[in-house]
Amino acid sequence: MKVIRTIAELRSEIQDRQQSGYGPVGLVPTMGYLHEGHASLMRKAREMSGTVVISIFVNPIQFGPGEDFETYPRDEARDVALAESEGVDVVFIPAVQEMYPQPTKTKISVAEITSLLCGASRPGHFDGVTTVVSKLFNIIKPDYAFFGMKDAQQVAVIEQMVRDLNMDVTIVPCPIIREADGLALSSRNVYLKPEEREQALVLSGSLRTAQEAIQQGQAATAGEIRAHLREYISRSPLADIEYAELLTFPELVPVEDSYRMVDGDSPVIMALAVRFGRTRLIDNALIQPKVGGSHV
């Protein structure tokens, strides 16, 4: 495995591997502080790709004022060891100056679907995400790019960008990976104090019980499901709900309270953002009304 820090060296390495017939290139973009969720993306990339590249870059332009760019958890040595153990071929760890040698005057902006959910409270966040991802796509030219569904809005936004700009890359969404007790894995979980960590289980619990209520016919409308999510999460005295929303996926159109889940024929996402102290957690679950199944 090679650790590469410059764009020029990375391009040269990818070109050499392609000329040597290694096959498709798979990219796993990350901000580091890797966990089993990231490892699952690497394994999927390994299945589908001849060359697996992961990027580790805490991208400053997707953080807003007062957010945790400076304190975002970092552990390069641990990340590199995990990547090597998962059979990654190349780890790209650029400095901020390498990715942004001068203030960027060009940004990629996806409209409409970035103005709600996380985009509503983090203006400019998704412009930073799409800009850095498009830079990585231009640098690496991957055949596949792997993203976790924990940030389902990010997946929808990147897929929209790829379609709109005719980017020659296939986006591969991958399932949420959870702790044994249900908490969705996140690099920011390290911020949680013990009591916050315990109470954070209301996110996965609310999604699970909402799915059960739908399956048992106890909650037939979107309004009933929204009410269930909020009521369940509110049982935690430390939980500060930012949103508990239902939208079509991947279009991200909010569904009316009167919408009956059994009447739909497209996926609906239950999406949550909840703060516990200084830690903001997100989680979600997709509901497939017609087939009666779900994917968490």
C-alpha atoms as a PDB file:
ATOM      1  CA  MET A   1       0.000   0.000   0.000  1.00  0.00           C
ATOM      2  CA  LYS A   2       1.197   3.479  -0.860  1.00  0.00           C
ATOM      3  CA  VAL A   3       0.557   6.665   1.116  1.00  0.00           C
ATOM      4  CA  ILE A   4       0.519   9.606  -1.283  1.00  0.00           C
ATOM      5  CA  ARG A   5       0.283  13.283  -0.398  1.00  0.00           C
ATOM      6  CA  THR A   6       0.435  15.140  -3.706  1.00  0.00           C
ATOM      7  CA  ILE A   7      -1.974  15.302  -6.625  1.00  0.00           C
ATOM      8  CA  ALA A   8       0.820  14.844  -9.164  1.00  0.00           C
ATOM      9  CA  GLU A   9       2.088  11.638  -7.529  1.00  0.00           C
ATOM     10  CA  LEU A  10      -1.443  10.269  -7.167  1.00  0.00           C
ATOM     11  CA  ARG A  11      -2.252  10.856 -10.818  1.00  0.00           C
ATOM     12  CA  SER A  12       0.993   9.173 -11.827  1.00  0.00           C
ATOM     13  CA  GLU A  13       0.287   6.150  -9.593  1.00  0.00           C
ATOM     14  CA  ILE A  14      -3.255   5.722 -10.944  1.00  0.00           C
ATOM     15  CA  GLN A  15      -2.024   6.019 -14.517  1.00  0.00           C
ATOM     16  CA  ASP A  16       0.705   3.422 -13.922  1.00  0.00           C
ATOM     17  CA  ARG A  17      -1.777   0.982 -12.392  1.00  0.00           C
ATOM     18  CA  GLN A  18      -4.254   1.436 -15.243  1.00  0.00           C
ATOM     19  CA  GLN A  19      -1.539   0.884 -17.833  1.00  0.00           C
ATOM     20  CA  SER A  20      -0.562  -2.282 -15.954  1.00  0.00           C
ATOM     21  CA  GLY A  21      -4.102  -3.619 -16.312  1.00  0.00           C
ATOM     22  CA  TYR A  22      -5.264  -3.512 -12.705  1.00  0.00           C
ATOM     23  CA  GLY A  23      -8.834  -2.854 -13.789  1.00  0.00           C
ATOM     24  CA  PRO A  24     -11.487  -0.490 -12.399  1.00  0.00           C
ATOM     25  CA  VAL A  25     -10.583   2.163  -9.852  1.00  0.00           C
ATOM     26  CA  GLY A  26     -12.714   2.419  -6.707  1.00  0.00           C
ATOM     27  CA  LEU A  27     -12.632   5.525  -4.502  1.00  0.00           C
ATOM     28  CA  VAL A  28     -13.706   5.811  -0.870  1.00  0.00           C
ATOM     29  CA  PRO A  29     -13.664   9.512   0.104  1.00  0.00           C
ATOM     30  CA  THR A  30     -13.311  10.048   3.876  1.00  0.00           C
ATOM     31  CA  MET A  31     -12.363  12.682   6.423  1.00  0.00           C
ATOM     32  CA  GLY A  32     -10.382  10.126   8.390  1.00  0.00           C
ATOM     33  CA  TYR A  33     -10.746   8.893  11.969  1.00  0.00           C
ATOM     34  CA  LEU A  34     -11.829   5.679  10.315  1.00  0.00           C
ATOM     35  CA  HIS A  35     -14.162   3.107  11.847  1.00  0.00           C
ATOM     36  CA  GLU A  36     -15.968  -0.080  10.816  1.00  0.00           C
ATOM     37  CA  GLY A  37     -18.378   1.915   8.656  1.00  0.00           C
ATOM     38  CA  HIS A  38     -15.464   3.120   6.539  1.00  0.00           C
ATOM     39  CA  ALA A  39     -13.972  -0.378   6.559  1.00  0.00           C
ATOM     40  CA  SER A  40     -17.199  -1.757   5.093  1.00  0.00           C
ATOM     41  CA  LEU A  41     -16.887   0.736   2.219  1.00  0.00           C
ATOM     42  CA  MET A  42     -13.311  -0.376   1.615  1.00  0.00           C
ATOM     43  CA  ARG A  43     -14.384  -4.010   1.504  1.00  0.00           C
ATOM     44  CA  LYS A  44     -17.110  -3.223  -1.016  1.00  0.00           C
ATOM     45  CA  ALA A  45     -14.592  -1.256  -3.074  1.00  0.00           C
ATOM     46  CA  ARG A  46     -12.202  -4.220  -2.921  1.00  0.00           C
ATOM     47  CA  GLU A  47     -14.936  -6.511  -4.284  1.00  0.00           C
ATOM     48  CA  MET A  48     -15.647  -4.271  -7.264  1.00  0.00           C
ATOM     49  CA  SER A  49     -12.293  -2.670  -8.080  1.00  0.00           C
ATOM     50  CA  GLY A  50      -8.811  -3.579  -9.203  1.00  0.00           C
ATOM     51  CA  THR A  51      -7.358  -0.493  -7.524  1.00  0.00           C
ATOM     52  CA  VAL A  52      -8.816   0.804  -4.250  1.00  0.00           C
ATOM     53  CA  VAL A  53      -8.044   4.396  -3.283  1.00  0.00           C
ATOM     54  CA  ILE A  54      -9.197   6.056  -0.107  1.00  0.00           C
ATOM     55  CA  SER A  55      -8.800   9.758   0.526  1.00  0.00           C
ATOM     56  CA  ILE A  56      -8.322  11.175   4.009  1.00  0.00           C
ATOM     57  CA  PHE A  57      -8.949  14.902   3.994  1.00  0.00           C
ATOM     58  CA  VAL A  58     -10.749  17.070   6.531  1.00  0.00           C
ATOM     59  CA  ASN A  59     -12.227  19.488   4.029  1.00  0.00           C
ATOM     60  CA  PRO A  60     -12.305  23.034   5.438  1.00  0.00           C
ATOM     61  CA  ILE A  61     -14.812  24.437   2.958  1.00  0.00           C
ATOM     62  CA  GLN A  62     -17.619  22.180   4.144  1.00  0.00           C
ATOM     63  CA  PHE A  63     -17.383  23.455   7.712  1.00  0.00           C
ATOM     64  CA  GLY A  64     -19.276  26.578   8.711  1.00  0.00           C
ATOM     65  CA  PRO A  65     -18.323  29.235  11.281  1.00  0.00           C
ATOM     66  CA  GLY A  66     -18.267  27.780  14.775  1.00  0.00           C
ATOM     67  CA  GLU A  67     -18.227  24.166  13.541  1.00  0.00           C
ATOM     68  CA  ASP A  68     -15.591  21.630  14.521  1.00  0.00           C
ATOM     69  CA  PHE A  69     -13.011  21.860  11.727  1.00  0.00           C
ATOM     70  CA  GLU A  70     -10.098  22.495  14.101  1.00  0.00           C
ATOM     71  CA  THR A  71     -11.183  19.867  16.628  1.00  0.00           C
ATOM     72  CA  TYR A  72     -12.462  17.209  14.211  1.00  0.00           C
ATOM     73  CA  PRO A  73     -10.878  13.925  15.400  1.00  0.00           C
ATOM     74  CA  ARG A  74      -7.740  12.915  13.552  1.00  0.00           C
ATOM     75  CA  ASP A  75      -5.454   9.862  13.860  1.00  0.00           C
ATOM     76  CA  GLU A  76      -3.437   9.347  10.685  1.00  0.00           C
ATOM     77  CA  ALA A  77      -1.339   6.410  11.884  1.00  0.00           C
ATOM     78  CA  ARG A  78      -4.421   4.469  12.980  1.00  0.00           C
ATOM     79  CA  ASP A  79      -6.224   5.292   9.732  1.00  0.00           C
ATOM     80  CA  VAL A  80      -3.324   4.105   7.576  1.00  0.00           C
ATOM     81  CA  ALA A  81      -3.073   0.849   9.538  1.00  0.00           C
ATOM     82  CA  LEU A  82      -6.800   0.179   9.117  1.00  0.00           C
ATOM     83  CA  ALA A  83      -6.657   0.914   5.387  1.00  0.00           C
ATOM     84  CA  GLU A  84      -3.742  -1.475   4.943  1.00  0.00           C
ATOM     85  CA  SER A  85      -5.550  -4.207   6.875  1.00  0.00           C
ATOM     86  CA  GLU A  86      -8.503  -3.880   4.461  1.00  0.00           C
ATOM     87  CA  GLY A  87      -6.360  -4.299   1.361  1.00  0.00           C
ATOM     88  CA  VAL A  88      -6.402  -0.692   0.174  1.00  0.00           C
ATOM     89  CA  ASP A  89      -3.860   0.064  -2.555  1.00  0.00           C
ATOM     90  CA  VAL A  90      -3.474   3.832  -2.204  1.00  0.00           C
ATOM     91  CA  VAL A  91      -4.188   6.236   0.657  1.00  0.00           C
ATOM     92  CA  PHE A  92      -4.320   9.856  -0.475  1.00  0.00           C
ATOM     93  CA  ILE A  93      -3.656  12.280   2.410  1.00  0.00           C
ATOM     94  CA  PRO A  94      -3.246  15.775   0.972  1.00  0.00           C
ATOM     95  CA  ALA A  95      -2.612  18.915   2.982  1.00  0.00           C
ATOM     96  CA  VAL A  96      -5.125  21.735   2.732  1.00  0.00           C
ATOM     97  CA  GLN A  97      -2.551  23.709   0.726  1.00  0.00           C
ATOM     98  CA  GLU A  98      -2.315  20.847  -1.792  1.00  0.00           C
ATOM     99  CA  MET A  99      -6.078  20.766  -2.401  1.00  0.00           C
ATOM    100  CA  TYR A 100      -6.573  24.526  -2.179  1.00  0.00           C
ATOM    101  CA  PRO A 101      -3.289  26.231  -3.104  1.00  0.00           C
ATOM    102  CA  GLN A 102      -5.187  29.499  -3.375  1.00  0.00           C
ATOM    103  CA  PRO A 103      -8.677  30.620  -2.294  1.00  0.00           C
ATOM    104  CA  THR A 104     -11.089  28.733  -4.520  1.00  0.00           C
ATOM    105  CA  LYS A 105     -13.285  30.902  -6.742  1.00  0.00           C
ATOM    106  CA  THR A 106     -15.123  27.963  -8.286  1.00  0.00           C
ATOM    107  CA  LYS A 107     -17.638  25.881  -6.377  1.00  0.00           C
ATOM    108  CA  ILE A 108     -20.073  23.152  -7.376  1.00  0.00           C
ATOM    109  CA  SER A 109     -23.566  23.893  -6.062  1.00  0.00           C
ATOM    110  CA  VAL A 110     -26.554  21.546  -6.255  1.00  0.00           C
ATOM    111  CA  ALA A 111     -29.847  23.405  -5.861  1.00  0.00           C
ATOM    112  CA  GLU A 112     -33.082  22.587  -3.998  1.00  0.00           C
ATOM    113  CA  ILE A 113     -32.195  19.279  -2.332  1.00  0.00           C
ATOM    114  CA  THR A 114     -29.389  21.002  -0.389  1.00  0.00           C
ATOM    115  CA  SER A 115     -31.699  23.607   1.184  1.00  0.00           C
ATOM    116  CA  LEU A 116     -33.425  21.268   3.634  1.00  0.00           C
ATOM    117  CA  LEU A 117     -32.440  18.744   6.334  1.00  0.00           C
ATOM    118  CA  CYS A 118     -28.735  19.260   7.102  1.00  0.00           C
ATOM    119  CA  GLY A 119     -28.483  22.002   4.490  1.00  0.00           C
ATOM    120  CA  ALA A 120     -31.010  24.154   6.326  1.00  0.00           C
ATOM    121  CA  SER A 121     -28.842  24.457   9.432  1.00  0.00           C
ATOM    122  CA  ARG A 122     -25.467  24.249   7.671  1.00  0.00           C
ATOM    123  CA  PRO A 123     -25.599  26.759   4.789  1.00  0.00           C
ATOM    124  CA  GLY A 124     -22.797  26.189   2.299  1.00  0.00           C
ATOM    125  CA  HIS A 125     -21.975  22.755   3.707  1.00  0.00           C
ATOM    126  CA  PHE A 126     -23.023  20.798   0.629  1.00  0.00           C
ATOM    127  CA  ASP A 127     -21.284  23.257  -1.709  1.00  0.00           C
ATOM    128  CA  GLY A 128     -18.102  22.307   0.135  1.00  0.00           C
ATOM    129  CA  VAL A 129     -18.902  18.607  -0.155  1.00  0.00           C
ATOM    130  CA  THR A 130     -19.705  18.629  -3.860  1.00  0.00           C
ATOM    131  CA  THR A 131     -16.722  20.829  -4.652  1.00  0.00           C
ATOM    132  CA  VAL A 132     -14.195  18.588  -2.921  1.00  0.00           C
ATOM    133  CA  VAL A 133     -15.795  15.395  -4.263  1.00  0.00           C
ATOM    134  CA  SER A 134     -15.737  16.765  -7.806  1.00  0.00           C
ATOM    135  CA  LYS A 135     -12.057  17.635  -7.316  1.00  0.00           C
ATOM    136  CA  LEU A 136     -11.346  14.072  -6.178  1.00  0.00           C
ATOM    137  CA  PHE A 137     -13.263  12.687  -9.161  1.00  0.00           C
ATOM    138  CA  ASN A 138     -11.224  14.888 -11.521  1.00  0.00           C
ATOM    139  CA  ILE A 139      -7.938  13.930  -9.890  1.00  0.00           C
ATOM    140  CA  ILE A 140      -8.523  10.181  -9.562  1.00  0.00           C
ATOM    141  CA  LYS A 141     -11.082   9.500 -12.311  1.00  0.00           C
ATOM    142  CA  PRO A 142     -12.592   6.536 -10.431  1.00  0.00           C
ATOM    143  CA  ASP A 143     -14.948   4.075 -12.056  1.00  0.00           C
ATOM    144  CA  TYR A 144     -16.792   3.662  -8.737  1.00  0.00           C
ATOM    145  CA  ALA A 145     -17.152   5.846  -5.642  1.00  0.00           C
ATOM    146  CA  PHE A 146     -18.469   4.417  -2.378  1.00  0.00           C
ATOM    147  CA  PHE A 147     -20.519   6.381   0.147  1.00  0.00           C
ATOM    148  CA  GLY A 148     -22.282   5.310   3.327  1.00  0.00           C
ATOM    149  CA  MET A 149     -26.026   5.763   3.593  1.00  0.00           C
ATOM    150  CA  LYS A 150     -25.734   7.196   7.092  1.00  0.00           C
ATOM    151  CA  ASP A 151     -25.536  10.550   5.344  1.00  0.00           C
ATOM    152  CA  ALA A 152     -28.330   9.796   2.891  1.00  0.00           C
ATOM    153  CA  GLN A 153     -28.732  13.440   1.888  1.00  0.00           C
ATOM    154  CA  GLN A 154     -25.074  13.552   0.886  1.00  0.00           C
ATOM    155  CA  VAL A 155     -25.576  10.444  -1.261  1.00  0.00           C
ATOM    156  CA  ALA A 156     -28.588  12.035  -2.972  1.00  0.00           C
ATOM    157  CA  VAL A 157     -26.703  15.294  -3.572  1.00  0.00           C
ATOM    158  CA  ILE A 158     -23.642  13.564  -5.052  1.00  0.00           C
ATOM    159  CA  GLU A 159     -25.799  11.352  -7.274  1.00  0.00           C
ATOM    160  CA  GLN A 160     -27.592  14.478  -8.518  1.00  0.00           C
ATOM    161  CA  MET A 161     -24.268  16.184  -9.272  1.00  0.00           C
ATOM    162  CA  VAL A 162     -23.000  13.139 -11.167  1.00  0.00           C
ATOM    163  CA  ARG A 163     -26.172  12.959 -13.281  1.00  0.00           C
ATOM    164  CA  ASP A 164     -26.371  16.668 -13.985  1.00  0.00           C
ATOM    165  CA  LEU A 165     -22.704  17.021 -14.969  1.00  0.00           C
ATOM    166  CA  ASN A 166     -22.433  13.685 -16.833  1.00  0.00           C
ATOM    167  CA  MET A 167     -19.581  12.549 -14.637  1.00  0.00           C
ATOM    168  CA  ASP A 168     -18.214   9.181 -15.692  1.00  0.00           C
ATOM    169  CA  VAL A 169     -18.413   7.495 -12.289  1.00  0.00           C
ATOM    170  CA  THR A 170     -20.887   5.109 -10.678  1.00  0.00           C
ATOM    171  CA  ILE A 171     -21.954   6.019  -7.146  1.00  0.00           C
ATOM    172  CA  VAL A 172     -22.322   2.959  -4.903  1.00  0.00           C
ATOM    173  CA  PRO A 173     -24.410   3.642  -1.762  1.00  0.00           C
ATOM    174  CA  CYS A 174     -23.581   1.259   1.089  1.00  0.00           C
ATOM    175  CA  PRO A 175     -25.617   0.293   4.169  1.00  0.00           C
ATOM    176  CA  ILE A 176     -25.357   2.013   7.533  1.00  0.00           C
ATOM    177  CA  ILE A 177     -23.067   0.156   9.944  1.00  0.00           C
ATOM    178  CA  ARG A 178     -24.135   0.186  13.585  1.00  0.00           C
ATOM    179  CA  GLU A 179     -22.785  -0.677  17.002  1.00  0.00           C
ATOM    180  CA  ALA A 180     -24.266  -3.796  18.586  1.00  0.00           C
ATOM    181  CA  ASP A 181     -26.735  -1.608  20.498  1.00  0.00           C
ATOM    182  CA  GLY A 182     -27.904   0.182  17.346  1.00  0.00           C
ATOM    183  CA  LEU A 183     -25.986   3.460  17.372  1.00  0.00           C
ATOM    184  CA  ALA A 184     -24.900   4.382  13.846  1.00  0.00           C
ATOM    185  CA  LEU A 185     -21.120   4.528  13.587  1.00  0.00           C
ATOM    186  CA  SER A 186     -19.733   8.040  13.219  1.00  0.00           C
ATOM    187  CA  SER A 187     -16.346   9.641  13.746  1.00  0.00           C
ATOM    188  CA  ARG A 188     -18.105  12.242  15.901  1.00  0.00           C
ATOM    189  CA  ASN A 189     -19.377   9.608  18.364  1.00  0.00           C
ATOM    190  CA  VAL A 190     -16.098  10.135  20.208  1.00  0.00           C
ATOM    191  CA  TYR A 191     -17.449  13.508  21.350  1.00  0.00           C
ATOM    192  CA  LEU A 192     -20.306  11.887  23.313  1.00  0.00           C
ATOM    193  CA  LYS A 193     -20.119  11.808  27.090  1.00  0.00           C
ATOM    194  CA  PRO A 194     -21.189   8.468  28.644  1.00  0.00           C
ATOM    195  CA  GLU A 195     -24.724   9.651  29.475  1.00  0.00           C
ATOM    196  CA  GLU A 196     -25.110  11.237  26.032  1.00  0.00           C
ATOM    197  CA  ARG A 197     -23.892   8.023  24.400  1.00  0.00           C
ATOM    198  CA  GLU A 198     -26.519   6.030  26.282  1.00  0.00           C
ATOM    199  CA  GLN A 199     -29.340   8.418  25.434  1.00  0.00           C
ATOM    200  CA  ALA A 200     -28.284   8.661  21.775  1.00  0.00           C
ATOM    201  CA  LEU A 201     -29.804   5.216  21.275  1.00  0.00           C
ATOM    202  CA  VAL A 202     -33.167   6.965  20.923  1.00  0.00           C
ATOM    203  CA  LEU A 203     -32.272   7.699  17.278  1.00  0.00           C
ATOM    204  CA  SER A 204     -32.034   4.091  16.150  1.00  0.00           C
ATOM    205  CA  GLY A 205     -34.798   3.141  18.579  1.00  0.00           C
ATOM    206  CA  SER A 206     -37.207   5.659  17.091  1.00  0.00           C
ATOM    207  CA  LEU A 207     -36.504   4.422  13.566  1.00  0.00           C
ATOM    208  CA  ARG A 208     -36.873   0.778  14.533  1.00  0.00           C
ATOM    209  CA  THR A 209     -40.149   1.254  16.397  1.00  0.00           C
ATOM    210  CA  ALA A 210     -41.532   3.471  13.617  1.00  0.00           C
ATOM    211  CA  GLN A 211     -40.866   0.684  11.132  1.00  0.00           C
ATOM    212  CA  GLU A 212     -42.583  -1.779  13.441  1.00  0.00           C
ATOM    213  CA  ALA A 213     -45.596   0.537  13.763  1.00  0.00           C
ATOM    214  CA  ILE A 214     -45.857   0.777   9.974  1.00  0.00           C
ATOM    215  CA  GLN A 215     -45.602  -2.983   9.523  1.00  0.00           C
ATOM    216  CA  GLN A 216     -48.229  -3.615  12.211  1.00  0.00           C
ATOM    217  CA  GLY A 217     -50.617  -0.991  10.844  1.00  0.00           C
ATOM    218  CA  GLN A 218     -50.347   1.233  13.936  1.00  0.00           C
ATOM    219  CA  ALA A 219     -48.956   4.202  11.968  1.00  0.00           C
ATOM    220  CA  ALA A 220     -50.323   4.514   8.456  1.00  0.00           C
ATOM    221  CA  THR A 221     -49.641   8.159   7.592  1.00  0.00           C
ATOM    222  CA  ALA A 222     -46.514  10.279   7.395  1.00  0.00           C
ATOM    223  CA  GLY A 223     -47.926  12.579  10.059  1.00  0.00           C
ATOM    224  CA  GLU A 224     -48.314   9.677  12.481  1.00  0.00           C
ATOM    225  CA  ILE A 225     -44.769   8.540  11.785  1.00  0.00           C
ATOM    226  CA  ARG A 226     -43.344  12.045  12.304  1.00  0.00           C
ATOM    227  CA  ALA A 227     -45.218  12.282  15.607  1.00  0.00           C
ATOM    228  CA  HIS A 228     -43.913   8.866  16.671  1.00  0.00           C
ATOM    229  CA  LEU A 229     -40.301   9.812  15.899  1.00  0.00           C
ATOM    230  CA  ARG A 230     -40.489  13.069  17.844  1.00  0.00           C
ATOM    231  CA  GLU A 231     -42.299  11.535  20.801  1.00  0.00           C
ATOM    232  CA  TYR A 232     -39.818   8.663  21.070  1.00  0.00           C
ATOM    233  CA  ILE A 233     -36.723  10.888  20.801  1.00  0.00           C
ATOM    234  CA  SER A 234     -38.182  13.372  23.278  1.00  0.00           C
ATOM    235  CA  ARG A 235     -38.061  10.660  25.948  1.00  0.00           C
ATOM    236  CA  SER A 236     -34.357  11.477  26.166  1.00  0.00           C
ATOM    237  CA  PRO A 237     -33.923  14.619  28.306  1.00  0.00           C
ATOM    238  CA  LEU A 238     -30.580  15.367  26.632  1.00  0.00           C
ATOM    239  CA  ALA A 239     -31.934  15.171  23.071  1.00  0.00           C
ATOM    240  CA  ASP A 240     -32.399  18.416  21.150  1.00  0.00           C
ATOM    241  CA  ILE A 241     -34.231  17.560  17.925  1.00  0.00           C
ATOM    242  CA  GLU A 242     -33.092  19.514  14.865  1.00  0.00           C
ATOM    243  CA  TYR A 243     -35.329  17.582  12.483  1.00  0.00           C
ATOM    244  CA  ALA A 244     -37.329  14.377  12.255  1.00  0.00           C
ATOM    245  CA  GLU A 245     -38.585  14.347   8.691  1.00  0.00           C
ATOM    246  CA  LEU A 246     -40.057  12.103   6.009  1.00  0.00           C
ATOM    247  CA  LEU A 247     -39.145  12.661   2.370  1.00  0.00           C
ATOM    248  CA  THR A 248     -39.135  10.793  -0.901  1.00  0.00           C
ATOM    249  CA  PHE A 249     -35.742   9.340  -1.767  1.00  0.00           C
ATOM    250  CA  PRO A 250     -33.575  10.239  -3.599  1.00  0.00           C
ATOM    251  CA  GLU A 251     -35.673  13.234  -4.731  1.00  0.00           C
ATOM    252  CA  LEU A 252     -35.849  14.547  -1.137  1.00  0.00           C
ATOM    253  CA  VAL A 253     -39.348  15.984  -1.465  1.00  0.00           C
ATOM    254  CA  PRO A 254     -41.110  16.272   1.928  1.00  0.00           C
ATOM    255  CA  VAL A 255     -44.237  14.117   2.083  1.00  0.00           C
ATOM    256  CA  GLU A 256     -47.513  15.528   3.394  1.00  0.00           C
ATOM    257  CA  ASP A 257     -48.748  14.465   6.817  1.00  0.00           C
ATOM    258  CA  SER A 258     -51.773  12.854   5.146  1.00  0.00           C
ATOM    259  CA  TYR A 259     -49.591  10.692   2.872  1.00  0.00           C
ATOM    260  CA  ARG A 260     -50.424   7.037   3.473  1.00  0.00           C
ATOM    261  CA  MET A 261     -47.372   4.811   3.358  1.00  0.00           C
ATOM    262  CA  VAL A 262     -49.265   1.929   1.742  1.00  0.00           C
ATOM    263  CA  ASP A 263     -50.239   4.174  -1.184  1.00  0.00           C
ATOM    264  CA  GLY A 264     -46.695   5.012  -2.238  1.00  0.00           C
ATOM    265  CA  ASP A 265     -44.581   3.234  -4.813  1.00  0.00           C
ATOM    266  CA  SER A 266     -41.223   4.942  -4.191  1.00  0.00           C
ATOM    267  CA  PRO A 267     -38.883   4.846  -1.191  1.00  0.00           C
ATOM    268  CA  VAL A 268     -39.512   7.232   1.675  1.00  0.00           C
ATOM    269  CA  ILE A 269     -36.710   8.150   4.039  1.00  0.00           C
ATOM    270  CA  MET A 270     -37.120   8.805   7.745  1.00  0.00           C
ATOM    271  CA  ALA A 271     -34.296  11.267   8.446  1.00  0.00           C
ATOM    272  CA  LEU A 272     -33.133  12.484  11.859  1.00  0.00           C
ATOM    273  CA  ALA A 273     -30.705  15.062  13.197  1.00  0.00           C
ATOM    274  CA  VAL A 274     -30.447  15.374  16.980  1.00  0.00           C
ATOM    275  CA  ARG A 275     -27.970  17.178  19.224  1.00  0.00           C
ATOM    276  CA  PHE A 276     -26.636  15.787  22.473  1.00  0.00           C
ATOM    277  CA  GLY A 277     -24.653  18.553  24.087  1.00  0.00           C
ATOM    278  CA  ARG A 278     -22.144  19.726  21.492  1.00  0.00           C
ATOM    279  CA  THR A 279     -22.497  16.590  19.379  1.00  0.00           C
ATOM    280  CA  ARG A 280     -24.806  16.545  16.369  1.00  0.00           C
ATOM    281  CA  LEU A 281     -25.858  13.055  15.255  1.00  0.00           C
ATOM    282  CA  ILE A 282     -27.737  11.995  12.133  1.00  0.00           C
ATOM    283  CA  ASP A 283     -29.490   8.747  11.313  1.00  0.00           C
ATOM    284  CA  ASN A 284     -32.081   7.481   8.861  1.00  0.00           C
ATOM    285  CA  ALA A 285     -34.006   4.522   7.525  1.00  0.00           C
ATOM    286  CA  LEU A 286     -35.514   3.865   4.105  1.00  0.00           C
ATOM    287  CA  ILE A 287     -39.028   2.493   3.823  1.00  0.00           C
ATOM    288  CA  GLN A 288     -40.202   0.563   0.763  1.00  0.00           C
ATOM    289  CA  PRO A 289     -44.020   0.770   1.089  1.00  0.00           C
ATOM    290  CA  LYS A 290     -45.040  -1.468  -1.817  1.00  0.00           C
ATOM    291  CA  VAL A 291     -42.718  -4.357  -1.055  1.00  0.00           C
ATOM    292  CA  GLY A 292     -43.201  -4.176   2.687  1.00  0.00           C
ATOM    293  CA  GLY A 293     -39.488  -4.214   3.392  1.00  0.00           C
ATOM    294  CA  SER A 294     -37.034  -1.721   4.760  1.00  0.00           C
ATOM    295  CA  HIS A 295     -33.351  -0.976   4.567  1.00  0.00           C
ATOM    296  CA  VAL A 296     -31.519   0.569   7.502  1.00  0.00           C
END
